[in-house]
Amino acid sequence: RPPKIYRNGEKRCIVRSLPLHRSPYEIKKRSDTHMWPKGTFVQFQNNAVHIIQRKQQSHDPTLWKGMCHVLDVTPYISTVSKEYKIDFCTREFIQENDLGSGMYGIQVAICEYIGP
């Protein structure tokens, strides 16, 4: 995958997922909390969109490792005067009597790139 090249002042529509509950370990080890729920599938306007997320380990199905990247949906937007639909499906679930685990907030933001 070629590196993305952004121009100064360019606006992007970014989607990310934020866990609503973090363990003390995660609070200590991670400054940016963006993380897709385990096994996330995303559709934009009923079309599947590739996301970079943690991978399930073949030797241990309960272990997920790797980086999650935010989703840039700018290339899928043709006009700003139209409504767009994003669907999410995930393997992760909310455990009974533990409403904090498995819950995520979805953030959609218009960001302007400012170079170093």
Foldseek 3Di string as FASTA:
>chain_A
DDDDDDDAFDKWKWKFKAQQDDDPVCVVPPDDRTADAAAKWKDKQNHTDDWDHWDQDPVDNVDTDDDGDIDTCRVVDDDPVDDIDMDMDHPFDQDPPHNRPPDMDMDIDIDGDHDD
